Amino acid sequence: MNFILRLLLTALAVVILAKILPGVSVDSYWTAIIVALVLALLNFIVKPLLILFTLPVTILTLGLFLLVINAIIIFMADGFVGGFDVDGWFIAIIFSLLLSLVQSLLFSILKTD
């Protein structure tokens, strides 16, 4: 149940950011839910592998290369989901930063003691 709520809150965050950022577009709410699901899968499967393979670069840049890895994940979601478009690396990095921020704010609602 908690996973479904997090998925829906991530979809809400994707829709909000698509309205705010000029280079991000989502066709519908259903597309946003699919984007949230694809992002969850990519973050679970692909992101750890990318971090492992780029560990020396990540260490040299003091972790800033993780922003590039997040942008790669966003671009992969863009490629997998029709109706979700991100225009450029800078927008992808900004989108990933803002998505993390909005998710942390929305997920704090779900936090139970």
PDB file of N, CA and C in Angstrom:
ATOM      1  N   MET A   1       0.819  -1.193   0.000  1.00  0.00           N
ATOM      2  CA  MET A   1       0.000   0.000   0.000  1.00  0.00           C
ATOM      3  C   MET A   1       0.862   1.256   0.000  1.00  0.00           C
ATOM      4  N   ASN A   2       1.945   1.199   0.788  1.00  0.00           N
ATOM      5  CA  ASN A   2       2.839   2.345   0.871  1.00  0.00           C
ATOM      6  C   ASN A   2       3.521   2.601  -0.476  1.00  0.00           C
ATOM      7  N   PHE A   3       3.867   1.516  -1.206  1.00  0.00           N
ATOM      8  CA  PHE A   3       4.494   1.670  -2.516  1.00  0.00           C
ATOM      9  C   PHE A   3       3.548   2.361  -3.497  1.00  0.00           C
ATOM     10  N   ILE A   4       2.289   2.002  -3.465  1.00  0.00           N
ATOM     11  CA  ILE A   4       1.310   2.611  -4.377  1.00  0.00           C
ATOM     12  C   ILE A   4       1.135   4.096  -4.066  1.00  0.00           C
ATOM     13  N   LEU A   5       1.089   4.437  -2.785  1.00  0.00           N
ATOM     14  CA  LEU A   5       0.978   5.846  -2.413  1.00  0.00           C
ATOM     15  C   LEU A   5       2.212   6.631  -2.847  1.00  0.00           C
ATOM     16  N   ARG A   6       3.388   6.044  -2.665  1.00  0.00           N
ATOM     17  CA  ARG A   6       4.617   6.712  -3.108  1.00  0.00           C
ATOM     18  C   ARG A   6       4.636   6.869  -4.627  1.00  0.00           C
ATOM     19  N   LEU A   7       4.157   5.871  -5.327  1.00  0.00           N
ATOM     20  CA  LEU A   7       4.091   5.939  -6.781  1.00  0.00           C
ATOM     21  C   LEU A   7       3.152   7.066  -7.227  1.00  0.00           C
ATOM     22  N   LEU A   8       2.007   7.165  -6.590  1.00  0.00           N
ATOM     23  CA  LEU A   8       1.050   8.219  -6.939  1.00  0.00           C
ATOM     24  C   LEU A   8       1.585   9.609  -6.577  1.00  0.00           C
ATOM     25  N   LEU A   9       2.295   9.712  -5.460  1.00  0.00           N
ATOM     26  CA  LEU A   9       2.885  10.997  -5.090  1.00  0.00           C
ATOM     27  C   LEU A   9       4.013  11.380  -6.045  1.00  0.00           C
ATOM     28  N   THR A  10       4.767  10.404  -6.517  1.00  0.00           N
ATOM     29  CA  THR A  10       5.796  10.684  -7.516  1.00  0.00           C
ATOM     30  C   THR A  10       5.161  11.131  -8.826  1.00  0.00           C
ATOM     31  N   ALA A  11       4.066  10.504  -9.204  1.00  0.00           N
ATOM     32  CA  ALA A  11       3.348  10.926 -10.415  1.00  0.00           C
ATOM     33  C   ALA A  11       2.834  12.360 -10.259  1.00  0.00           C
ATOM     34  N   LEU A  12       2.339  12.690  -9.075  1.00  0.00           N
ATOM     35  CA  LEU A  12       1.897  14.058  -8.812  1.00  0.00           C
ATOM     36  C   LEU A  12       3.067  15.024  -8.929  1.00  0.00           C
ATOM     37  N   ALA A  13       4.225  14.646  -8.404  1.00  0.00           N
ATOM     38  CA  ALA A  13       5.409  15.490  -8.504  1.00  0.00           C
ATOM     39  C   ALA A  13       5.837  15.671  -9.956  1.00  0.00           C
ATOM     40  N   VAL A  14       5.741  14.617 -10.750  1.00  0.00           N
ATOM     41  CA  VAL A  14       6.094  14.715 -12.175  1.00  0.00           C
ATOM     42  C   VAL A  14       5.152  15.685 -12.887  1.00  0.00           C
ATOM     43  N   VAL A  15       3.868  15.614 -12.589  1.00  0.00           N
ATOM     44  CA  VAL A  15       2.903  16.526 -13.216  1.00  0.00           C
ATOM     45  C   VAL A  15       3.176  17.967 -12.798  1.00  0.00           C
ATOM     46  N   ILE A  16       3.433  18.176 -11.523  1.00  0.00           N
ATOM     47  CA  ILE A  16       3.710  19.534 -11.029  1.00  0.00           C
ATOM     48  C   ILE A  16       4.951  20.104 -11.704  1.00  0.00           C
ATOM     49  N   LEU A  17       6.005  19.308 -11.778  1.00  0.00           N
ATOM     50  CA  LEU A  17       7.236  19.798 -12.397  1.00  0.00           C
ATOM     51  C   LEU A  17       7.090  19.989 -13.898  1.00  0.00           C
ATOM     52  N   ALA A  18       6.256  19.191 -14.537  1.00  0.00           N
ATOM     53  CA  ALA A  18       6.016  19.378 -15.966  1.00  0.00           C
ATOM     54  C   ALA A  18       5.285  20.697 -16.226  1.00  0.00           C
ATOM     55  N   LYS A  19       4.458  21.105 -15.281  1.00  0.00           N
ATOM     56  CA  LYS A  19       3.757  22.401 -15.424  1.00  0.00           C
ATOM     57  C   LYS A  19       4.716  23.568 -15.180  1.00  0.00           C
ATOM     58  N   ILE A  20       5.703  23.372 -14.284  1.00  0.00           N
ATOM     59  CA  ILE A  20       6.601  24.462 -13.900  1.00  0.00           C
ATOM     60  C   ILE A  20       7.765  24.611 -14.870  1.00  0.00           C
ATOM     61  N   LEU A  21       8.418  23.504 -15.194  1.00  0.00           N
ATOM     62  CA  LEU A  21       9.619  23.557 -16.034  1.00  0.00           C
ATOM     63  C   LEU A  21       9.249  23.627 -17.513  1.00  0.00           C
ATOM     64  N   PRO A  22       9.885  24.541 -18.259  1.00  0.00           N
ATOM     65  CA  PRO A  22       9.516  24.700 -19.674  1.00  0.00           C
ATOM     66  C   PRO A  22       9.963  23.559 -20.573  1.00  0.00           C
ATOM     67  N   GLY A  23      10.995  22.800 -20.217  1.00  0.00           N
ATOM     68  CA  GLY A  23      11.500  21.762 -21.097  1.00  0.00           C
ATOM     69  C   GLY A  23      10.982  20.372 -20.803  1.00  0.00           C
ATOM     70  N   VAL A  24      10.016  20.251 -19.892  1.00  0.00           N
ATOM     71  CA  VAL A  24       9.473  18.948 -19.506  1.00  0.00           C
ATOM     72  C   VAL A  24       7.987  18.937 -19.844  1.00  0.00           C
ATOM     73  N   SER A  25       7.549  17.856 -20.495  1.00  0.00           N
ATOM     74  CA  SER A  25       6.123  17.745 -20.805  1.00  0.00           C
ATOM     75  C   SER A  25       5.632  16.328 -20.535  1.00  0.00           C
ATOM     76  N   VAL A  26       4.420  16.259 -20.013  1.00  0.00           N
ATOM     77  CA  VAL A  26       3.740  14.989 -19.756  1.00  0.00           C
ATOM     78  C   VAL A  26       2.358  15.110 -20.377  1.00  0.00           C
ATOM     79  N   ASP A  27       1.979  14.120 -21.177  1.00  0.00           N
ATOM     80  CA  ASP A  27       0.715  14.201 -21.899  1.00  0.00           C
ATOM     81  C   ASP A  27      -0.510  14.057 -21.013  1.00  0.00           C
ATOM     82  N   SER A  28      -0.466  13.165 -20.044  1.00  0.00           N
ATOM     83  CA  SER A  28      -1.651  12.922 -19.220  1.00  0.00           C
ATOM     84  C   SER A  28      -1.234  12.451 -17.838  1.00  0.00           C
ATOM     85  N   TYR A  29      -2.218  12.328 -16.964  1.00  0.00           N
ATOM     86  CA  TYR A  29      -1.949  11.828 -15.620  1.00  0.00           C
ATOM     87  C   TYR A  29      -1.562  10.347 -15.667  1.00  0.00           C
ATOM     88  N   TRP A  30      -2.158   9.614 -16.561  1.00  0.00           N
ATOM     89  CA  TRP A  30      -1.811   8.199 -16.722  1.00  0.00           C
ATOM     90  C   TRP A  30      -0.346   8.061 -17.146  1.00  0.00           C
ATOM     91  N   THR A  31       0.097   8.938 -18.044  1.00  0.00           N
ATOM     92  CA  THR A  31       1.494   8.944 -18.457  1.00  0.00           C
ATOM     93  C   THR A  31       2.406   9.255 -17.271  1.00  0.00           C
ATOM     94  N   ALA A  32       1.986  10.156 -16.410  1.00  0.00           N
ATOM     95  CA  ALA A  32       2.780  10.498 -15.225  1.00  0.00           C
ATOM     96  C   ALA A  32       2.907   9.294 -14.285  1.00  0.00           C
ATOM     97  N   ILE A  33       1.849   8.505 -14.164  1.00  0.00           N
ATOM     98  CA  ILE A  33       1.910   7.299 -13.328  1.00  0.00           C
ATOM     99  C   ILE A  33       2.881   6.289 -13.939  1.00  0.00           C
ATOM    100  N   ILE A  34       2.853   6.153 -15.251  1.00  0.00           N
ATOM    101  CA  ILE A  34       3.782   5.245 -15.924  1.00  0.00           C
ATOM    102  C   ILE A  34       5.218   5.745 -15.765  1.00  0.00           C
ATOM    103  N   VAL A  35       5.418   7.067 -15.871  1.00  0.00           N
ATOM    104  CA  VAL A  35       6.749   7.644 -15.669  1.00  0.00           C
ATOM    105  C   VAL A  35       7.236   7.351 -14.250  1.00  0.00           C
ATOM    106  N   ALA A  36       6.367   7.494 -13.270  1.00  0.00           N
ATOM    107  CA  ALA A  36       6.740   7.213 -11.881  1.00  0.00           C
ATOM    108  C   ALA A  36       7.133   5.753 -11.710  1.00  0.00           C
ATOM    109  N   LEU A  37       6.404   4.858 -12.340  1.00  0.00           N
ATOM    110  CA  LEU A  37       6.721   3.431 -12.257  1.00  0.00           C
ATOM    111  C   LEU A  37       8.053   3.119 -12.943  1.00  0.00           C
ATOM    112  N   VAL A  38       8.267   3.696 -14.119  1.00  0.00           N
ATOM    113  CA  VAL A  38       9.513   3.471 -14.852  1.00  0.00           C
ATOM    114  C   VAL A  38      10.694   4.051 -14.074  1.00  0.00           C
ATOM    115  N   LEU A  39      10.527   5.232 -13.483  1.00  0.00           N
ATOM    116  CA  LEU A  39      11.596   5.820 -12.679  1.00  0.00           C
ATOM    117  C   LEU A  39      11.921   4.945 -11.468  1.00  0.00           C
ATOM    118  N   ALA A  40      10.894   4.386 -10.851  1.00  0.00           N
ATOM    119  CA  ALA A  40      11.124   3.500  -9.708  1.00  0.00           C
ATOM    120  C   ALA A  40      11.913   2.270 -10.130  1.00  0.00           C
ATOM    121  N   LEU A  41      11.548   1.686 -11.250  1.00  0.00           N
ATOM    122  CA  LEU A  41      12.263   0.506 -11.745  1.00  0.00           C
ATOM    123  C   LEU A  41      13.700   0.840 -12.143  1.00  0.00           C
ATOM    124  N   LEU A  42      13.887   1.956 -12.826  1.00  0.00           N
ATOM    125  CA  LEU A  42      15.232   2.347 -13.237  1.00  0.00           C
ATOM    126  C   LEU A  42      16.105   2.673 -12.030  1.00  0.00           C
ATOM    127  N   ASN A  43      15.531   3.345 -11.035  1.00  0.00           N
ATOM    128  CA  ASN A  43      16.295   3.651  -9.828  1.00  0.00           C
ATOM    129  C   ASN A  43      16.641   2.397  -9.051  1.00  0.00           C
ATOM    130  N   PHE A  44      15.813   1.370  -9.153  1.00  0.00           N
ATOM    131  CA  PHE A  44      16.062   0.132  -8.435  1.00  0.00           C
ATOM    132  C   PHE A  44      17.070  -0.763  -9.149  1.00  0.00           C
ATOM    133  N   ILE A  45      17.008  -0.807 -10.485  1.00  0.00           N
ATOM    134  CA  ILE A  45      17.828  -1.746 -11.247  1.00  0.00           C
ATOM    135  C   ILE A  45      19.055  -1.081 -11.863  1.00  0.00           C
ATOM    136  N   VAL A  46      18.875   0.003 -12.591  1.00  0.00           N
ATOM    137  CA  VAL A  46      19.948   0.573 -13.399  1.00  0.00           C
ATOM    138  C   VAL A  46      20.851   1.510 -12.591  1.00  0.00           C
ATOM    139  N   LYS A  47      20.283   2.308 -11.716  1.00  0.00           N
ATOM    140  CA  LYS A  47      21.069   3.314 -11.010  1.00  0.00           C
ATOM    141  C   LYS A  47      22.208   2.709 -10.181  1.00  0.00           C
ATOM    142  N   PRO A  48      21.991   1.631  -9.430  1.00  0.00           N
ATOM    143  CA  PRO A  48      23.132   1.055  -8.696  1.00  0.00           C
ATOM    144  C   PRO A  48      24.259   0.579  -9.618  1.00  0.00           C
ATOM    145  N   LEU A  49      23.905   0.052 -10.777  1.00  0.00           N
ATOM    146  CA  LEU A  49      24.934  -0.383 -11.730  1.00  0.00           C
ATOM    147  C   LEU A  49      25.708   0.811 -12.277  1.00  0.00           C
ATOM    148  N   LEU A  50      24.995   1.890 -12.600  1.00  0.00           N
ATOM    149  CA  LEU A  50      25.680   3.091 -13.087  1.00  0.00           C
ATOM    150  C   LEU A  50      26.594   3.666 -12.015  1.00  0.00           C
ATOM    151  N   ILE A  51      26.138   3.671 -10.777  1.00  0.00           N
ATOM    152  CA  ILE A  51      26.969   4.183  -9.691  1.00  0.00           C
ATOM    153  C   ILE A  51      28.208   3.317  -9.527  1.00  0.00           C
ATOM    154  N   LEU A  52      28.048   2.019  -9.610  1.00  0.00           N
ATOM    155  CA  LEU A  52      29.181   1.112  -9.469  1.00  0.00           C
ATOM    156  C   LEU A  52      30.197   1.308 -10.594  1.00  0.00           C
ATOM    157  N   PHE A  53      29.726   1.405 -11.826  1.00  0.00           N
ATOM    158  CA  PHE A  53      30.628   1.542 -12.963  1.00  0.00           C
ATOM    159  C   PHE A  53      31.327   2.902 -12.999  1.00  0.00           C
ATOM    160  N   THR A  54      30.687   3.932 -12.454  1.00  0.00           N
ATOM    161  CA  THR A  54      31.265   5.275 -12.501  1.00  0.00           C
ATOM    162  C   THR A  54      31.804   5.713 -11.142  1.00  0.00           C
ATOM    163  N   LEU A  55      32.078   4.768 -10.274  1.00  0.00           N
ATOM    164  CA  LEU A  55      32.544   5.091  -8.927  1.00  0.00           C
ATOM    165  C   LEU A  55      33.816   5.944  -8.909  1.00  0.00           C
ATOM    166  N   PRO A  56      34.829   5.660  -9.722  1.00  0.00           N
ATOM    167  CA  PRO A  56      36.021   6.528  -9.691  1.00  0.00           C
ATOM    168  C   PRO A  56      35.713   7.985 -10.062  1.00  0.00           C
ATOM    169  N   VAL A  57      34.885   8.175 -11.079  1.00  0.00           N
ATOM    170  CA  VAL A  57      34.526   9.533 -11.485  1.00  0.00           C
ATOM    171  C   VAL A  57      33.699  10.206 -10.389  1.00  0.00           C
ATOM    172  N   THR A  58      32.808   9.464  -9.770  1.00  0.00           N
ATOM    173  CA  THR A  58      31.983  10.006  -8.697  1.00  0.00           C
ATOM    174  C   THR A  58      32.850  10.426  -7.514  1.00  0.00           C
ATOM    175  N   ILE A  59      33.853   9.632  -7.196  1.00  0.00           N
ATOM    176  CA  ILE A  59      34.755   9.984  -6.097  1.00  0.00           C
ATOM    177  C   ILE A  59      35.576  11.218  -6.457  1.00  0.00           C
ATOM    178  N   LEU A  60      36.087  11.281  -7.683  1.00  0.00           N
ATOM    179  CA  LEU A  60      36.887  12.439  -8.108  1.00  0.00           C
ATOM    180  C   LEU A  60      36.081  13.733  -8.100  1.00  0.00           C
ATOM    181  N   THR A  61      34.805  13.649  -8.411  1.00  0.00           N
ATOM    182  CA  THR A  61      33.965  14.851  -8.444  1.00  0.00           C
ATOM    183  C   THR A  61      33.240  15.087  -7.128  1.00  0.00           C
ATOM    184  N   LEU A  62      33.629  14.325  -6.104  1.00  0.00           N
ATOM    185  CA  LEU A  62      33.032  14.452  -4.774  1.00  0.00           C
ATOM    186  C   LEU A  62      31.513  14.257  -4.788  1.00  0.00           C
ATOM    187  N   GLY A  63      31.050  13.359  -5.640  1.00  0.00           N
ATOM    188  CA  GLY A  63      29.639  13.007  -5.687  1.00  0.00           C
ATOM    189  C   GLY A  63      28.802  13.813  -6.664  1.00  0.00           C
ATOM    190  N   LEU A  64      29.379  14.831  -7.265  1.00  0.00           N
ATOM    191  CA  LEU A  64      28.598  15.652  -8.196  1.00  0.00           C
ATOM    192  C   LEU A  64      28.225  14.903  -9.465  1.00  0.00           C
ATOM    193  N   PHE A  65      28.970  13.854  -9.790  1.00  0.00           N
ATOM    194  CA  PHE A  65      28.638  13.066 -10.979  1.00  0.00           C
ATOM    195  C   PHE A  65      27.308  12.335 -10.807  1.00  0.00           C
ATOM    196  N   LEU A  66      26.855  12.191  -9.566  1.00  0.00           N
ATOM    197  CA  LEU A  66      25.541  11.573  -9.336  1.00  0.00           C
ATOM    198  C   LEU A  66      24.422  12.385  -9.985  1.00  0.00           C
ATOM    199  N   LEU A  67      24.621  13.696 -10.143  1.00  0.00           N
ATOM    200  CA  LEU A  67      23.639  14.513 -10.870  1.00  0.00           C
ATOM    201  C   LEU A  67      23.537  14.067 -12.321  1.00  0.00           C
ATOM    202  N   VAL A  68      24.671  13.745 -12.915  1.00  0.00           N
ATOM    203  CA  VAL A  68      24.679  13.255 -14.299  1.00  0.00           C
ATOM    204  C   VAL A  68      24.000  11.892 -14.376  1.00  0.00           C
ATOM    205  N   ILE A  69      24.250  11.036 -13.384  1.00  0.00           N
ATOM    206  CA  ILE A  69      23.600   9.719 -13.357  1.00  0.00           C
ATOM    207  C   ILE A  69      22.086   9.883 -13.239  1.00  0.00           C
ATOM    208  N   ASN A  70      21.635  10.810 -12.403  1.00  0.00           N
ATOM    209  CA  ASN A  70      20.194  11.064 -12.298  1.00  0.00           C
ATOM    210  C   ASN A  70      19.626  11.580 -13.609  1.00  0.00           C
ATOM    211  N   ALA A  71      20.376  12.423 -14.307  1.00  0.00           N
ATOM    212  CA  ALA A  71      19.918  12.914 -15.610  1.00  0.00           C
ATOM    213  C   ALA A  71      19.834  11.773 -16.622  1.00  0.00           C
ATOM    214  N   ILE A  72      20.781  10.831 -16.557  1.00  0.00           N
ATOM    215  CA  ILE A  72      20.743   9.672 -17.453  1.00  0.00           C
ATOM    216  C   ILE A  72      19.491   8.843 -17.177  1.00  0.00           C
ATOM    217  N   ILE A  73      19.145   8.672 -15.906  1.00  0.00           N
ATOM    218  CA  ILE A  73      17.931   7.930 -15.537  1.00  0.00           C
ATOM    219  C   ILE A  73      16.692   8.644 -16.082  1.00  0.00           C
ATOM    220  N   ILE A  74      16.669   9.964 -15.982  1.00  0.00           N
ATOM    221  CA  ILE A  74      15.535  10.739 -16.518  1.00  0.00           C
ATOM    222  C   ILE A  74      15.446  10.562 -18.036  1.00  0.00           C
ATOM    223  N   PHE A  75      16.592  10.620 -18.720  1.00  0.00           N
ATOM    224  CA  PHE A  75      16.581  10.429 -20.177  1.00  0.00           C
ATOM    225  C   PHE A  75      16.161   9.018 -20.560  1.00  0.00           C
ATOM    226  N   MET A  76      16.543   8.027 -19.766  1.00  0.00           N
ATOM    227  CA  MET A  76      16.102   6.664 -20.057  1.00  0.00           C
ATOM    228  C   MET A  76      14.584   6.556 -19.908  1.00  0.00           C
ATOM    229  N   ALA A  77      14.032   7.182 -18.883  1.00  0.00           N
ATOM    230  CA  ALA A  77      12.577   7.188 -18.716  1.00  0.00           C
ATOM    231  C   ALA A  77      11.919   7.912 -19.889  1.00  0.00           C
ATOM    232  N   ASP A  78      12.555   8.990 -20.357  1.00  0.00           N
ATOM    233  CA  ASP A  78      12.048   9.715 -21.521  1.00  0.00           C
ATOM    234  C   ASP A  78      11.994   8.807 -22.739  1.00  0.00           C
ATOM    235  N   GLY A  79      13.009   7.967 -22.896  1.00  0.00           N
ATOM    236  CA  GLY A  79      13.038   7.050 -24.036  1.00  0.00           C
ATOM    237  C   GLY A  79      12.037   5.914 -23.922  1.00  0.00           C
ATOM    238  N   PHE A  80      11.776   5.453 -22.704  1.00  0.00           N
ATOM    239  CA  PHE A  80      10.867   4.319 -22.512  1.00  0.00           C
ATOM    240  C   PHE A  80       9.393   4.712 -22.543  1.00  0.00           C
ATOM    241  N   VAL A  81       9.074   5.919 -22.118  1.00  0.00           N
ATOM    242  CA  VAL A  81       7.671   6.318 -21.975  1.00  0.00           C
ATOM    243  C   VAL A  81       7.328   7.345 -23.049  1.00  0.00           C
ATOM    244  N   GLY A  82       6.410   6.968 -23.919  1.00  0.00           N
ATOM    245  CA  GLY A  82       5.908   7.920 -24.895  1.00  0.00           C
ATOM    246  C   GLY A  82       4.974   8.903 -24.203  1.00  0.00           C
ATOM    247  N   GLY A  83       5.076  10.159 -24.559  1.00  0.00           N
ATOM    248  CA  GLY A  83       4.249  11.171 -23.916  1.00  0.00           C
ATOM    249  C   GLY A  83       4.965  11.887 -22.787  1.00  0.00           C
ATOM    250  N   PHE A  84       6.203  11.491 -22.512  1.00  0.00           N
ATOM    251  CA  PHE A  84       7.042  12.160 -21.520  1.00  0.00           C
ATOM    252  C   PHE A  84       8.291  12.628 -22.235  1.00  0.00           C
ATOM    253  N   ASP A  85       8.505  13.942 -22.252  1.00  0.00           N
ATOM    254  CA  ASP A  85       9.629  14.513 -22.988  1.00  0.00           C
ATOM    255  C   ASP A  85      10.431  15.452 -22.098  1.00  0.00           C
ATOM    256  N   VAL A  86      11.751  15.308 -22.182  1.00  0.00           N
ATOM    257  CA  VAL A  86      12.681  16.190 -21.486  1.00  0.00           C
ATOM    258  C   VAL A  86      13.639  16.738 -22.532  1.00  0.00           C
ATOM    259  N   ASP A  87      13.776  18.059 -22.572  1.00  0.00           N
ATOM    260  CA  ASP A  87      14.578  18.721 -23.600  1.00  0.00           C
ATOM    261  C   ASP A  87      15.924  19.160 -23.036  1.00  0.00           C
ATOM    262  N   GLY A  88      16.931  18.315 -23.140  1.00  0.00           N
ATOM    263  CA  GLY A  88      18.284  18.723 -22.803  1.00  0.00           C
ATOM    264  C   GLY A  88      18.783  18.275 -21.442  1.00  0.00           C
ATOM    265  N   TRP A  89      20.120  18.286 -21.330  1.00  0.00           N
ATOM    266  CA  TRP A  89      20.778  17.825 -20.109  1.00  0.00           C
ATOM    267  C   TRP A  89      20.504  18.743 -18.933  1.00  0.00           C
ATOM    268  N   PHE A  90      20.578  20.041 -19.164  1.00  0.00           N
ATOM    269  CA  PHE A  90      20.374  20.981 -18.067  1.00  0.00           C
ATOM    270  C   PHE A  90      18.976  20.833 -17.470  1.00  0.00           C
ATOM    271  N   ILE A  91      17.981  20.717 -18.324  1.00  0.00           N
ATOM    272  CA  ILE A  91      16.605  20.536 -17.845  1.00  0.00           C
ATOM    273  C   ILE A  91      16.472  19.202 -17.112  1.00  0.00           C
ATOM    274  N   ALA A  92      17.144  18.151 -17.603  1.00  0.00           N
ATOM    275  CA  ALA A  92      17.083  16.849 -16.932  1.00  0.00           C
ATOM    276  C   ALA A  92      17.705  16.913 -15.539  1.00  0.00           C
ATOM    277  N   ILE A  93      18.816  17.635 -15.399  1.00  0.00           N
ATOM    278  CA  ILE A  93      19.448  17.769 -14.083  1.00  0.00           C
ATOM    279  C   ILE A  93      18.560  18.577 -13.148  1.00  0.00           C
ATOM    280  N   ILE A  94      18.004  19.683 -13.649  1.00  0.00           N
ATOM    281  CA  ILE A  94      17.096  20.502 -12.824  1.00  0.00           C
ATOM    282  C   ILE A  94      15.861  19.697 -12.441  1.00  0.00           C
ATOM    283  N   PHE A  95      15.308  18.939 -13.406  1.00  0.00           N
ATOM    284  CA  PHE A  95      14.131  18.115 -13.136  1.00  0.00           C
ATOM    285  C   PHE A  95      14.442  17.076 -12.062  1.00  0.00           C
ATOM    286  N   SER A  96      15.599  16.425 -12.142  1.00  0.00           N
ATOM    287  CA  SER A  96      15.924  15.402 -11.146  1.00  0.00           C
ATOM    288  C   SER A  96      16.123  16.010  -9.765  1.00  0.00           C
ATOM    289  N   LEU A  97      16.752  17.185  -9.699  1.00  0.00           N
ATOM    290  CA  LEU A  97      16.918  17.857  -8.406  1.00  0.00           C
ATOM    291  C   LEU A  97      15.578  18.253  -7.803  1.00  0.00           C
ATOM    292  N   LEU A  98      14.739  18.872  -8.621  1.00  0.00           N
ATOM    293  CA  LEU A  98      13.429  19.310  -8.124  1.00  0.00           C
ATOM    294  C   LEU A  98      12.523  18.124  -7.812  1.00  0.00           C
ATOM    295  N   LEU A  99      12.628  17.047  -8.589  1.00  0.00           N
ATOM    296  CA  LEU A  99      11.837  15.853  -8.310  1.00  0.00           C
ATOM    297  C   LEU A  99      12.222  15.268  -6.950  1.00  0.00           C
ATOM    298  N   SER A 100      13.501  15.229  -6.664  1.00  0.00           N
ATOM    299  CA  SER A 100      13.943  14.737  -5.352  1.00  0.00           C
ATOM    300  C   SER A 100      13.426  15.626  -4.233  1.00  0.00           C
ATOM    301  N   LEU A 101      13.461  16.921  -4.435  1.00  0.00           N
ATOM    302  CA  LEU A 101      12.983  17.854  -3.419  1.00  0.00           C
ATOM    303  C   LEU A 101      11.483  17.706  -3.187  1.00  0.00           C
ATOM    304  N   VAL A 102      10.713  17.689  -4.270  1.00  0.00           N
ATOM    305  CA  VAL A 102       9.255  17.576  -4.152  1.00  0.00           C
ATOM    306  C   VAL A 102       8.869  16.210  -3.573  1.00  0.00           C
ATOM    307  N   GLN A 103       9.574  15.154  -3.989  1.00  0.00           N
ATOM    308  CA  GLN A 103       9.297  13.829  -3.429  1.00  0.00           C
ATOM    309  C   GLN A 103       9.554  13.801  -1.930  1.00  0.00           C
ATOM    310  N   SER A 104      10.640  14.395  -1.494  1.00  0.00           N
ATOM    311  CA  SER A 104      10.921  14.380  -0.058  1.00  0.00           C
ATOM    312  C   SER A 104       9.863  15.153   0.717  1.00  0.00           C
ATOM    313  N   LEU A 105       9.362  16.234   0.138  1.00  0.00           N
ATOM    314  CA  LEU A 105       8.291  16.981   0.797  1.00  0.00           C
ATOM    315  C   LEU A 105       6.996  16.171   0.834  1.00  0.00           C
ATOM    316  N   LEU A 106       6.653  15.546  -0.276  1.00  0.00           N
ATOM    317  CA  LEU A 106       5.418  14.764  -0.328  1.00  0.00           C
ATOM    318  C   LEU A 106       5.513  13.478   0.487  1.00  0.00           C
ATOM    319  N   PHE A 107       6.681  12.840   0.475  1.00  0.00           N
ATOM    320  CA  PHE A 107       6.841  11.598   1.243  1.00  0.00           C
ATOM    321  C   PHE A 107       6.842  11.846   2.740  1.00  0.00           C
ATOM    322  N   SER A 108       7.183  13.068   3.143  1.00  0.00           N
ATOM    323  CA  SER A 108       7.131  13.379   4.570  1.00  0.00           C
ATOM    324  C   SER A 108       5.701  13.328   5.096  1.00  0.00           C
ATOM    325  N   ILE A 109       4.736  13.468   4.200  1.00  0.00           N
ATOM    326  CA  ILE A 109       3.322  13.325   4.575  1.00  0.00           C
ATOM    327  C   ILE A 109       3.026  11.879   4.965  1.00  0.00           C
ATOM    328  N   LEU A 110       3.653  10.931   4.265  1.00  0.00           N
ATOM    329  CA  LEU A 110       3.414   9.514   4.510  1.00  0.00           C
ATOM    330  C   LEU A 110       4.160   8.981   5.731  1.00  0.00           C
ATOM    331  N   LYS A 111       5.107   9.741   6.209  1.00  0.00           N
ATOM    332  CA  LYS A 111       5.949   9.242   7.303  1.00  0.00           C
ATOM    333  C   LYS A 111       5.107   8.932   8.531  1.00  0.00           C
ATOM    334  N   THR A 112       5.271   7.701   9.016  1.00  0.00           N
ATOM    335  CA  THR A 112       4.547   7.291  10.207  1.00  0.00           C
ATOM    336  C   THR A 112       5.539   6.989  11.315  1.00  0.00           C
ATOM    337  N   ASP A 113       5.132   7.240  12.517  1.00  0.00           N
ATOM    338  CA  ASP A 113       6.017   7.005  13.667  1.00  0.00           C
ATOM    339  C   ASP A 113       5.783   5.664  14.282  1.00  0.00           C
TER     340      ASP A 113
END
